[in-house]
Amino acid sequence: MKRSERRVPQRAAQVLVVDDEPDIRELLELTLLKMGLGVTSAGSVGEAKERLKDERYDLCLTDMRLPDGEGLELVRYIASLGADLPVAVITAHGSAENAVAALKAGAFDYVSKPVGLDQLRALVRSALSLPASVPVKDQQLLGESAPLAQVRELIGKLARTQAPVYISGESGSGKELAARLIHENGARREKPFIPVNCGAIPETLMESEFFGYKKGAFTGAGEDREGFFQAANGETLFLDEVAELPLAMQVKLLRSIQEKRVRKVGATQEDPVDVRIISATHQNLSALVAARRFRQDLFYRLNVIELKMPPLRECREDIPGIAAALLERLARQNGVPAPRLDGSAVQELARYDFPGNVRELENILERALALSGKTEISAEDLRLAPSAEAEPASGGAGETLPDYLDGLERKAILEALGKTAFNRTAAAKLLGITFRQLRYRMQRLGITDENR
């Protein structure tokens, strides 16, 4: 089909519609034109590529199956151009596999056939509200280590899509912070971020809390009430500790995510909802699926893109900076001058494994700030739990595990430096760490050029 003549002034946002069915193309064109948008149509992958060469578009809607290929090919082609162009894929009704494949390929979102016009309009409004670039608020995610740099980079990418995100990581590692950053830097940033702790809701109340209820649906239901999904319509719903959901609720949640519709308890009809789902848990969802404690189909729906939050012990070089920032914030909240960490405190924190991660670090510093009353916080003020003692395999009796591990680390670093004539860049490469990580470890272990 030739380019559509149904145009509006050039200042309007331009949408490329790719579908080989004339009726579907016409329905989409009319809907978009009524929204004040410009529309160009194409009936195949090849034709769409030609259109992309001729004009700049603000959104692309493409069918999954086309005469000369698949919509996924077009999604990947647009991504390869480096264009700031969100792509939404139109999938066969109920095809979860197609939807997941499209989102993983880089699609902004998807629309199921038969096309729901309300859902389509919501998707278009959401896609066209995206800024040209999405700056991640680095100051909220402190640390310069490689694991945290990777997390920041992925957050920036995730903010530009509506794909469901699953955030994994140990307790206290910052999963909710990551979810908030994805929301705050995305298309829905002007709308509320709604967090829900799935483990804190009694099983008997779950359905009504998530989906709402109609007046008279059960004893005590004196009026209609909305649930989390209705409250989060057009917004972001963060399901924390999603592994705590009972199996019966998992079935209902799966349908709501897949169909983008919910039914209140006691209602006869479903209502459309447009909700961005971000979920998280400290548990191993794959293991729960294998143990049949978590539905595999729901796991695949939630885990379209996974963001792994690293434990604090894997970012040891960031601990001094994170601790200083937390101390400053805690002191400001308490209306007192911010104390500094002395050398012994920094060394003690760097050696500690933090099973509770950043949350534990914050609790330790808050306790030290309240009890020390000094301008400097020492190792003694931190009151860290004693480390387990290691077996004296090569050290003296009573040697602690951190001391033993430090000895092994010191030996490995000195051996690498010796092999590279103290070339730190080459030694870092030999050890499989970054130059910055090597420099930090050398400072912590007291290794200098005098050790040549």
Protein backbone atom coordinates (compact mmCIF):
# COMPACT_ATOMS: atom_id res chain seq x y z
CA MET A 1 0.00 0.00 0.00
CA LYS A 2 1.25 3.50 -0.86
CA ARG A 3 1.84 6.08 1.80
CA SER A 4 -1.43 7.22 3.29
CA GLU A 5 -2.71 10.64 2.23
CA ARG A 6 -4.45 11.09 5.58
CA ARG A 7 -2.00 13.60 7.01
CA VAL A 8 -2.09 16.34 9.60
CA PRO A 9 0.35 19.25 9.86
CA GLN A 10 4.01 18.28 10.12
CA ARG A 11 4.27 19.56 13.68
CA ALA A 12 2.16 16.61 14.85
CA ALA A 13 3.89 13.47 16.09
CA GLN A 14 4.31 10.96 13.28
CA VAL A 15 3.38 7.26 13.59
CA LEU A 16 4.40 4.46 11.23
CA VAL A 17 1.79 1.68 11.06
CA VAL A 18 2.98 -1.66 9.65
CA ASP A 19 0.31 -4.30 8.98
CA ASP A 20 -0.62 -6.40 5.95
CA GLU A 21 -4.35 -6.35 6.73
CA PRO A 22 -6.03 -3.27 5.14
CA ASP A 23 -8.90 -3.27 7.67
CA ILE A 24 -6.50 -3.24 10.63
CA ARG A 25 -4.41 -0.49 9.01
CA GLU A 26 -7.48 1.65 8.44
CA LEU A 27 -8.72 1.13 12.02
CA LEU A 28 -5.33 2.14 13.42
CA GLU A 29 -5.01 5.12 11.08
CA LEU A 30 -8.44 6.52 11.99
CA THR A 31 -7.79 6.07 15.71
CA LEU A 32 -4.41 7.80 15.53
CA LEU A 33 -5.70 10.63 13.32
CA LYS A 34 -8.46 11.35 15.85
CA MET A 35 -5.66 11.73 18.43
CA GLY A 36 -4.14 14.48 16.29
CA LEU A 37 -1.24 12.39 15.00
CA GLY A 38 0.24 11.98 11.54
CA VAL A 39 0.06 8.47 10.10
CA THR A 40 2.07 6.62 7.46
CA SER A 41 1.22 3.03 6.52
CA ALA A 42 3.27 0.09 5.25
CA GLY A 43 2.21 -3.48 4.44
CA SER A 44 5.51 -5.33 4.85
CA VAL A 45 8.90 -5.27 6.55
CA GLY A 46 10.61 -4.14 3.34
CA GLU A 47 8.14 -1.32 2.78
CA ALA A 48 8.52 -0.19 6.38
CA LYS A 49 12.31 -0.02 6.01
CA GLU A 50 11.88 2.19 2.96
CA ARG A 51 9.53 4.50 4.88
CA LEU A 52 12.12 4.76 7.69
CA LYS A 53 14.71 5.96 5.16
CA ASP A 54 12.43 8.76 3.93
CA GLU A 55 11.05 10.25 7.14
CA ARG A 56 11.57 10.55 10.88
CA TYR A 57 8.88 8.94 13.05
CA ASP A 58 7.98 9.26 16.73
CA LEU A 59 6.36 5.83 17.10
CA CYS A 60 6.11 2.60 15.11
CA LEU A 61 3.22 0.11 15.42
CA THR A 62 3.98 -3.19 13.68
CA ASP A 63 2.16 -6.47 13.30
CA MET A 64 4.06 -9.56 14.45
CA ARG A 65 3.52 -11.58 11.25
CA LEU A 66 4.08 -9.89 7.88
CA PRO A 67 4.29 -11.30 4.33
CA ASP A 68 8.09 -10.94 4.08
CA GLY A 69 9.12 -11.53 7.67
CA GLU A 70 8.26 -10.87 11.32
CA GLY A 71 7.74 -7.70 13.27
CA LEU A 72 10.68 -8.71 15.46
CA GLU A 73 12.93 -8.20 12.45
CA LEU A 74 11.69 -4.61 12.21
CA VAL A 75 12.17 -4.09 15.96
CA ARG A 76 15.80 -5.21 15.68
CA TYR A 77 16.34 -3.14 12.52
CA ILE A 78 15.14 0.05 14.22
CA ALA A 79 17.32 -0.73 17.24
CA SER A 80 20.33 -1.16 14.94
CA LEU A 81 19.75 2.33 13.51
CA GLY A 82 20.21 3.83 16.96
CA ALA A 83 17.03 5.83 16.37
CA ASP A 84 15.11 7.28 19.30
CA LEU A 85 11.98 5.46 18.10
CA PRO A 86 9.76 3.37 20.39
CA VAL A 87 8.22 0.33 18.67
CA ALA A 88 5.04 -1.42 19.77
CA VAL A 89 4.19 -4.87 18.40
CA ILE A 90 0.69 -6.11 17.60
CA THR A 91 0.50 -9.78 18.59
CA ALA A 92 -2.05 -12.54 18.11
CA HIS A 93 -4.58 -12.61 20.94
CA GLY A 94 -3.32 -14.59 23.91
CA SER A 95 0.14 -15.21 22.43
CA ALA A 96 2.30 -14.76 25.52
CA GLU A 97 5.36 -16.12 23.76
CA ASN A 98 5.15 -13.48 21.02
CA ALA A 99 4.68 -10.68 23.52
CA VAL A 100 7.67 -11.74 25.60
CA ALA A 101 9.82 -12.18 22.48
CA ALA A 102 8.90 -8.68 21.29
CA LEU A 103 9.76 -7.05 24.61
CA LYS A 104 13.07 -8.89 24.84
CA ALA A 105 13.92 -7.75 21.31
CA GLY A 106 13.56 -4.14 22.45
CA ALA A 107 9.90 -3.30 21.80
CA PHE A 108 8.36 -0.55 23.92
CA ASP A 109 5.14 -2.48 24.52
CA TYR A 110 2.63 -4.69 22.72
CA VAL A 111 -1.06 -4.70 21.77
CA SER A 112 -3.06 -7.93 21.52
CA LYS A 113 -5.42 -8.77 18.68
CA PRO A 114 -8.26 -8.01 18.45
CA VAL A 115 -6.92 -4.49 18.99
CA GLY A 116 -8.46 -2.76 22.01
CA LEU A 117 -8.70 0.94 21.11
CA ASP A 118 -8.58 2.15 24.73
CA GLN A 119 -5.46 0.09 25.30
CA LEU A 120 -3.98 1.38 22.03
CA ARG A 121 -4.62 5.02 22.94
CA ALA A 122 -3.04 4.53 26.38
CA LEU A 123 0.01 2.90 24.83
CA VAL A 124 0.43 5.70 22.26
CA ARG A 125 0.10 8.43 24.89
CA SER A 126 2.65 6.68 27.06
CA ALA A 127 5.12 6.13 24.19
CA LEU A 128 4.95 9.69 22.89
CA SER A 129 5.55 11.19 26.33
CA LEU A 130 9.06 9.72 26.44
CA PRO A 131 11.87 12.30 26.44
CA ALA A 132 14.60 12.16 23.80
CA SER A 133 17.04 10.90 26.40
CA VAL A 134 16.53 9.58 29.91
CA PRO A 135 19.10 10.71 32.45
CA VAL A 136 19.48 8.33 35.36
CA LYS A 137 19.76 10.06 38.71
CA ASP A 138 23.21 8.76 39.57
CA GLN A 139 23.29 10.47 42.93
CA GLN A 140 20.58 8.15 44.19
CA LEU A 141 22.51 5.03 43.32
CA LEU A 142 25.92 5.61 44.87
CA GLY A 143 29.06 3.76 43.87
CA GLU A 144 31.53 3.60 40.99
CA SER A 145 32.34 -0.11 40.98
CA ALA A 146 31.74 -2.13 37.82
CA PRO A 147 28.63 -3.96 39.17
CA LEU A 148 26.87 -0.71 40.11
CA ALA A 149 27.89 0.99 36.87
CA GLN A 150 26.25 -1.88 34.97
CA VAL A 151 23.10 -1.53 37.09
CA ARG A 152 22.89 2.20 36.35
CA GLU A 153 23.31 1.59 32.62
CA LEU A 154 20.56 -1.06 32.57
CA ILE A 155 18.20 1.16 34.59
CA GLY A 156 18.59 3.82 31.90
CA LYS A 157 17.58 1.31 29.23
CA LEU A 158 14.70 -0.15 31.23
CA ALA A 159 13.24 3.30 31.82
CA ARG A 160 12.64 3.58 28.08
CA THR A 161 10.45 0.50 27.80
CA GLN A 162 7.17 -0.71 29.25
CA ALA A 163 8.42 -4.31 29.49
CA PRO A 164 7.86 -6.03 32.85
CA VAL A 165 11.05 -5.99 34.93
CA TYR A 166 12.08 -8.52 37.56
CA ILE A 167 14.62 -7.26 40.08
CA SER A 168 16.57 -9.94 41.93
CA GLY A 169 19.04 -9.55 44.77
CA GLU A 170 19.62 -10.15 48.44
CA SER A 171 17.63 -8.39 51.15
CA GLY A 172 18.78 -4.81 51.61
CA SER A 173 20.57 -4.58 48.25
CA GLY A 174 18.40 -1.74 46.91
CA LYS A 175 15.72 -3.47 44.82
CA GLU A 176 13.01 -0.92 45.58
CA LEU A 177 15.42 1.96 44.90
CA ALA A 178 16.16 0.47 41.47
CA ALA A 179 12.43 0.11 40.78
CA ARG A 180 11.82 3.75 41.73
CA LEU A 181 14.65 4.92 39.47
CA ILE A 182 13.17 2.98 36.53
CA HIS A 183 9.82 4.67 37.20
CA GLU A 184 11.19 8.17 37.82
CA ASN A 185 13.15 8.17 34.57
CA GLY A 186 10.42 6.64 32.41
CA ALA A 187 7.28 7.72 30.60
CA ARG A 188 5.14 7.40 33.75
CA ARG A 189 7.38 9.55 35.96
CA GLU A 190 4.62 12.18 36.42
CA LYS A 191 2.33 9.50 37.86
CA PRO A 192 2.64 7.82 41.29
CA PHE A 193 4.84 4.82 42.00
CA ILE A 194 2.77 2.29 43.96
CA PRO A 195 4.73 -0.27 46.00
CA VAL A 196 3.01 -3.39 47.34
CA ASN A 197 4.60 -5.87 49.74
CA CYS A 198 3.04 -9.16 48.66
CA GLY A 199 4.21 -10.89 51.84
CA ALA A 200 2.36 -8.46 54.10
CA ILE A 201 -1.17 -9.16 52.76
CA PRO A 202 -3.24 -11.97 54.34
CA GLU A 203 -4.12 -14.62 51.76
CA THR A 204 -7.85 -14.22 52.39
CA LEU A 205 -7.69 -10.53 51.47
CA MET A 206 -5.35 -10.73 48.49
CA GLU A 207 -7.87 -10.80 45.67
CA SER A 208 -9.87 -7.87 47.00
CA GLU A 209 -6.69 -5.88 47.77
CA PHE A 210 -5.28 -6.40 44.28
CA PHE A 211 -8.46 -6.13 42.20
CA GLY A 212 -10.99 -4.34 44.44
CA TYR A 213 -14.56 -5.39 45.14
CA LYS A 214 -18.18 -4.44 44.50
CA LYS A 215 -20.61 -3.40 47.19
CA GLY A 216 -22.20 -6.49 48.74
CA ALA A 217 -19.59 -8.90 47.35
CA PHE A 218 -19.02 -10.24 50.87
CA THR A 219 -19.91 -9.45 54.45
CA GLY A 220 -18.55 -6.02 55.29
CA ALA A 221 -18.32 -4.80 51.68
CA GLY A 222 -20.49 -1.74 52.23
CA GLU A 223 -19.32 0.15 49.13
CA ASP A 224 -17.36 -0.30 45.93
CA ARG A 225 -13.61 -0.21 46.41
CA GLU A 226 -10.70 -0.12 43.98
CA GLY A 227 -7.70 -2.42 44.30
CA PHE A 228 -4.01 -1.90 43.61
CA PHE A 229 -4.44 -2.45 39.87
CA GLN A 230 -7.17 0.16 39.51
CA ALA A 231 -5.22 2.60 41.69
CA ALA A 232 -2.13 2.07 39.52
CA ASN A 233 -3.96 2.52 36.20
CA GLY A 234 -1.59 4.51 33.98
CA GLU A 235 1.08 4.22 36.66
CA THR A 236 3.77 1.82 37.93
CA LEU A 237 2.93 -1.06 40.27
CA PHE A 238 5.88 -2.48 42.20
CA LEU A 239 5.25 -6.00 43.52
CA ASP A 240 7.86 -6.55 46.23
CA GLU A 241 8.47 -10.08 47.55
CA VAL A 242 6.36 -11.46 44.71
CA ALA A 243 7.51 -14.99 45.62
CA GLU A 244 5.20 -14.80 48.65
CA LEU A 245 2.07 -14.90 46.47
CA PRO A 246 0.05 -18.12 46.94
CA LEU A 247 -0.51 -20.24 43.84
CA ALA A 248 -4.21 -19.35 43.55
CA MET A 249 -3.35 -15.67 43.46
CA GLN A 250 -0.57 -16.28 40.95
CA VAL A 251 -3.17 -17.57 38.47
CA LYS A 252 -5.28 -14.41 38.82
CA LEU A 253 -2.23 -12.16 38.59
CA LEU A 254 -1.07 -13.91 35.42
CA ARG A 255 -4.40 -13.29 33.70
CA SER A 256 -4.44 -9.62 34.71
CA ILE A 257 -0.94 -9.04 33.35
CA GLN A 258 -1.57 -11.00 30.15
CA GLU A 259 -5.00 -9.57 29.30
CA LYS A 260 -4.45 -6.12 30.86
CA ARG A 261 -7.89 -6.41 32.43
CA VAL A 262 -9.09 -7.03 35.99
CA ARG A 263 -12.35 -8.13 37.56
CA LYS A 264 -13.42 -6.81 40.95
CA VAL A 265 -14.62 -9.36 43.50
CA GLY A 266 -18.38 -9.64 42.97
CA ALA A 267 -18.32 -8.02 39.51
CA THR A 268 -19.52 -9.65 36.31
CA GLN A 269 -17.37 -7.62 33.91
CA GLU A 270 -13.65 -6.97 33.57
CA ASP A 271 -12.18 -3.47 33.41
CA PRO A 272 -9.17 -2.52 31.24
CA VAL A 273 -6.06 -1.37 33.09
CA ASP A 274 -2.76 0.06 31.86
CA VAL A 275 -0.17 -0.81 34.51
CA ARG A 276 3.63 -1.05 34.30
CA ILE A 277 4.65 -4.06 36.40
CA ILE A 278 7.98 -4.19 38.23
CA SER A 279 8.49 -7.11 40.61
CA ALA A 280 11.20 -8.17 43.03
CA THR A 281 12.13 -10.80 45.58
CA HIS A 282 15.21 -11.91 47.49
CA GLN A 283 14.26 -15.54 46.84
CA ASN A 284 15.42 -17.63 43.87
CA LEU A 285 12.37 -17.68 41.62
CA SER A 286 13.89 -20.25 39.26
CA ALA A 287 14.32 -22.64 42.17
CA LEU A 288 10.74 -22.00 43.30
CA VAL A 289 9.50 -22.77 39.78
CA ALA A 290 11.46 -26.05 39.82
CA ALA A 291 9.92 -26.85 43.21
CA ARG A 292 6.45 -26.03 41.81
CA ARG A 293 5.94 -23.28 44.35
CA PHE A 294 5.82 -20.57 41.70
CA ARG A 295 4.06 -20.81 38.33
CA GLN A 296 6.39 -21.05 35.37
CA ASP A 297 4.07 -19.06 33.06
CA LEU A 298 3.90 -16.21 35.58
CA PHE A 299 7.67 -16.33 36.03
CA TYR A 300 8.17 -15.83 32.28
CA ARG A 301 5.64 -12.99 32.28
CA LEU A 302 7.36 -11.16 35.13
CA ASN A 303 10.92 -12.00 34.13
CA VAL A 304 10.90 -10.47 30.65
CA ILE A 305 14.00 -8.48 31.64
CA GLU A 306 15.95 -9.20 34.83
CA LEU A 307 17.92 -6.62 36.78
CA LYS A 308 20.32 -8.14 39.33
CA MET A 309 21.27 -5.95 42.28
CA PRO A 310 24.78 -6.83 43.50
CA PRO A 311 25.43 -7.49 47.20
CA LEU A 312 27.49 -4.85 48.98
CA ARG A 313 30.39 -7.24 49.55
CA GLU A 314 30.92 -7.32 45.77
CA CYS A 315 31.31 -3.53 45.73
CA ARG A 316 33.76 -3.13 48.61
CA GLU A 317 35.56 -0.21 47.01
CA ASP A 318 32.28 1.74 47.15
CA ILE A 319 31.70 1.21 50.87
CA PRO A 320 33.59 4.33 52.12
CA GLY A 321 31.73 6.62 49.71
CA ILE A 322 28.34 5.06 50.40
CA ALA A 323 28.95 5.20 54.15
CA ALA A 324 29.95 8.88 54.02
CA ALA A 325 26.82 9.79 52.02
CA LEU A 326 24.57 7.82 54.39
CA LEU A 327 26.19 9.48 57.42
CA GLU A 328 25.60 12.91 55.92
CA ARG A 329 21.94 12.16 55.28
CA LEU A 330 21.38 10.64 58.72
CA ALA A 331 23.07 13.59 60.41
CA ARG A 332 20.95 16.05 58.42
CA GLN A 333 17.78 14.19 59.44
CA ASN A 334 18.84 14.39 63.09
CA GLY A 335 19.89 18.03 62.88
CA VAL A 336 23.50 17.40 63.90
CA PRO A 337 26.85 17.95 62.14
CA ALA A 338 27.94 14.95 60.07
CA PRO A 339 30.85 13.08 61.71
CA ARG A 340 33.57 11.47 59.64
CA LEU A 341 34.76 7.87 59.66
CA ASP A 342 38.32 7.51 60.88
CA GLY A 343 40.80 5.11 59.29
CA SER A 344 40.00 2.24 61.64
CA ALA A 345 36.26 2.53 60.90
CA VAL A 346 36.82 2.59 57.13
CA GLN A 347 39.06 -0.47 57.37
CA GLU A 348 36.58 -2.31 59.56
CA LEU A 349 33.69 -1.59 57.18
CA ALA A 350 35.76 -2.67 54.17
CA ARG A 351 36.46 -6.04 55.81
CA TYR A 352 32.88 -6.73 56.88
CA ASP A 353 30.68 -8.91 54.65
CA PHE A 354 27.34 -7.10 55.26
CA PRO A 355 24.83 -9.96 55.07
CA GLY A 356 22.12 -7.27 55.25
CA ASN A 357 23.78 -5.17 52.52
CA VAL A 358 23.15 -1.40 52.30
CA ARG A 359 20.22 -1.58 54.71
CA GLU A 360 22.50 -3.11 57.34
CA LEU A 361 25.18 -0.49 56.66
CA GLU A 362 22.62 2.26 57.21
CA ASN A 363 21.48 0.67 60.49
CA ILE A 364 25.09 0.37 61.69
CA LEU A 365 25.81 4.02 60.92
CA GLU A 366 22.55 5.24 62.47
CA ARG A 367 23.40 3.37 65.68
CA ALA A 368 26.97 4.74 65.69
CA LEU A 369 25.73 8.29 65.11
CA ALA A 370 23.28 8.02 68.01
CA LEU A 371 25.73 6.48 70.49
CA SER A 372 29.11 8.02 69.71
CA GLY A 373 28.38 11.76 70.01
CA LYS A 374 31.82 12.50 68.53
CA THR A 375 33.08 14.27 65.44
CA GLU A 376 34.79 11.06 64.37
CA ILE A 377 33.42 7.54 64.32
CA SER A 378 35.91 4.78 65.07
CA ALA A 379 35.81 1.03 64.53
CA GLU A 380 34.79 0.60 68.16
CA ASP A 381 31.74 2.86 67.63
CA LEU A 382 30.51 0.66 64.79
CA ARG A 383 30.08 -2.36 67.07
CA LEU A 384 30.16 -4.82 64.20
CA ALA A 385 29.39 -8.45 64.89
CA PRO A 386 32.60 -10.46 65.36
CA SER A 387 33.70 -12.45 62.31
CA ALA A 388 33.80 -16.20 62.41
CA GLU A 389 37.26 -17.61 63.02
CA ALA A 390 38.95 -19.46 60.24
CA GLU A 391 40.73 -22.74 60.51
CA PRO A 392 44.49 -22.05 60.85
CA ALA A 393 45.28 -23.70 57.51
CA SER A 394 48.32 -21.57 56.85
CA GLY A 395 48.12 -18.93 59.56
CA GLY A 396 48.54 -18.97 63.27
CA ALA A 397 46.00 -20.34 65.72
CA GLY A 398 43.13 -17.95 66.35
CA GLU A 399 43.56 -16.10 63.05
CA THR A 400 40.21 -14.63 61.96
CA LEU A 401 38.65 -15.39 58.60
CA PRO A 402 39.05 -11.79 57.30
CA ASP A 403 42.74 -11.82 58.27
CA TYR A 404 43.25 -15.16 56.55
CA LEU A 405 41.46 -14.02 53.38
CA ASP A 406 43.37 -10.73 53.38
CA GLY A 407 46.58 -12.72 53.51
CA LEU A 408 45.55 -14.75 50.47
CA GLU A 409 44.49 -11.62 48.60
CA ARG A 410 47.73 -9.83 49.45
CA LYS A 411 49.76 -12.79 48.22
CA ALA A 412 47.83 -12.98 44.92
CA ILE A 413 48.23 -9.24 44.28
CA LEU A 414 51.96 -9.27 45.05
CA GLU A 415 52.45 -12.26 42.74
CA ALA A 416 50.63 -10.46 39.90
CA LEU A 417 52.63 -7.27 40.49
CA GLY A 418 55.82 -9.29 40.51
CA LYS A 419 54.98 -10.92 37.19
CA THR A 420 54.27 -7.52 35.59
CA ALA A 421 57.20 -5.58 37.10
CA PHE A 422 54.69 -3.62 39.22
CA ASN A 423 52.71 -2.48 36.19
CA ARG A 424 49.36 -2.02 37.92
CA THR A 425 47.27 -1.94 34.74
CA ALA A 426 48.75 -5.23 33.57
CA ALA A 427 48.46 -6.75 37.05
CA ALA A 428 44.76 -5.79 37.25
CA LYS A 429 44.15 -7.48 33.89
CA LEU A 430 46.00 -10.58 35.08
CA LEU A 431 43.85 -10.71 38.23
CA GLY A 432 40.61 -10.17 36.29
CA ILE A 433 39.71 -6.92 38.09
CA THR A 434 39.67 -3.25 37.11
CA PHE A 435 42.55 -0.86 37.73
CA ARG A 436 40.41 1.04 40.24
CA GLN A 437 39.60 -2.17 42.13
CA LEU A 438 43.31 -3.07 42.28
CA ARG A 439 44.26 0.40 43.52
CA TYR A 440 41.61 0.20 46.25
CA ARG A 441 42.76 -3.26 47.37
CA MET A 442 46.41 -2.17 47.44
CA GLN A 443 45.50 0.80 49.64
CA ARG A 444 43.41 -1.37 51.98
CA LEU A 445 46.15 -3.98 52.31
CA GLY A 446 48.97 -1.44 52.61
CA ILE A 447 50.77 -2.57 49.42
CA THR A 448 53.08 0.14 48.03
CA ASP A 449 56.06 0.37 45.66
CA GLU A 450 58.25 -0.44 48.66
CA ASN A 451 56.95 -4.00 48.41
CA ARG A 452 58.77 -4.51 45.11
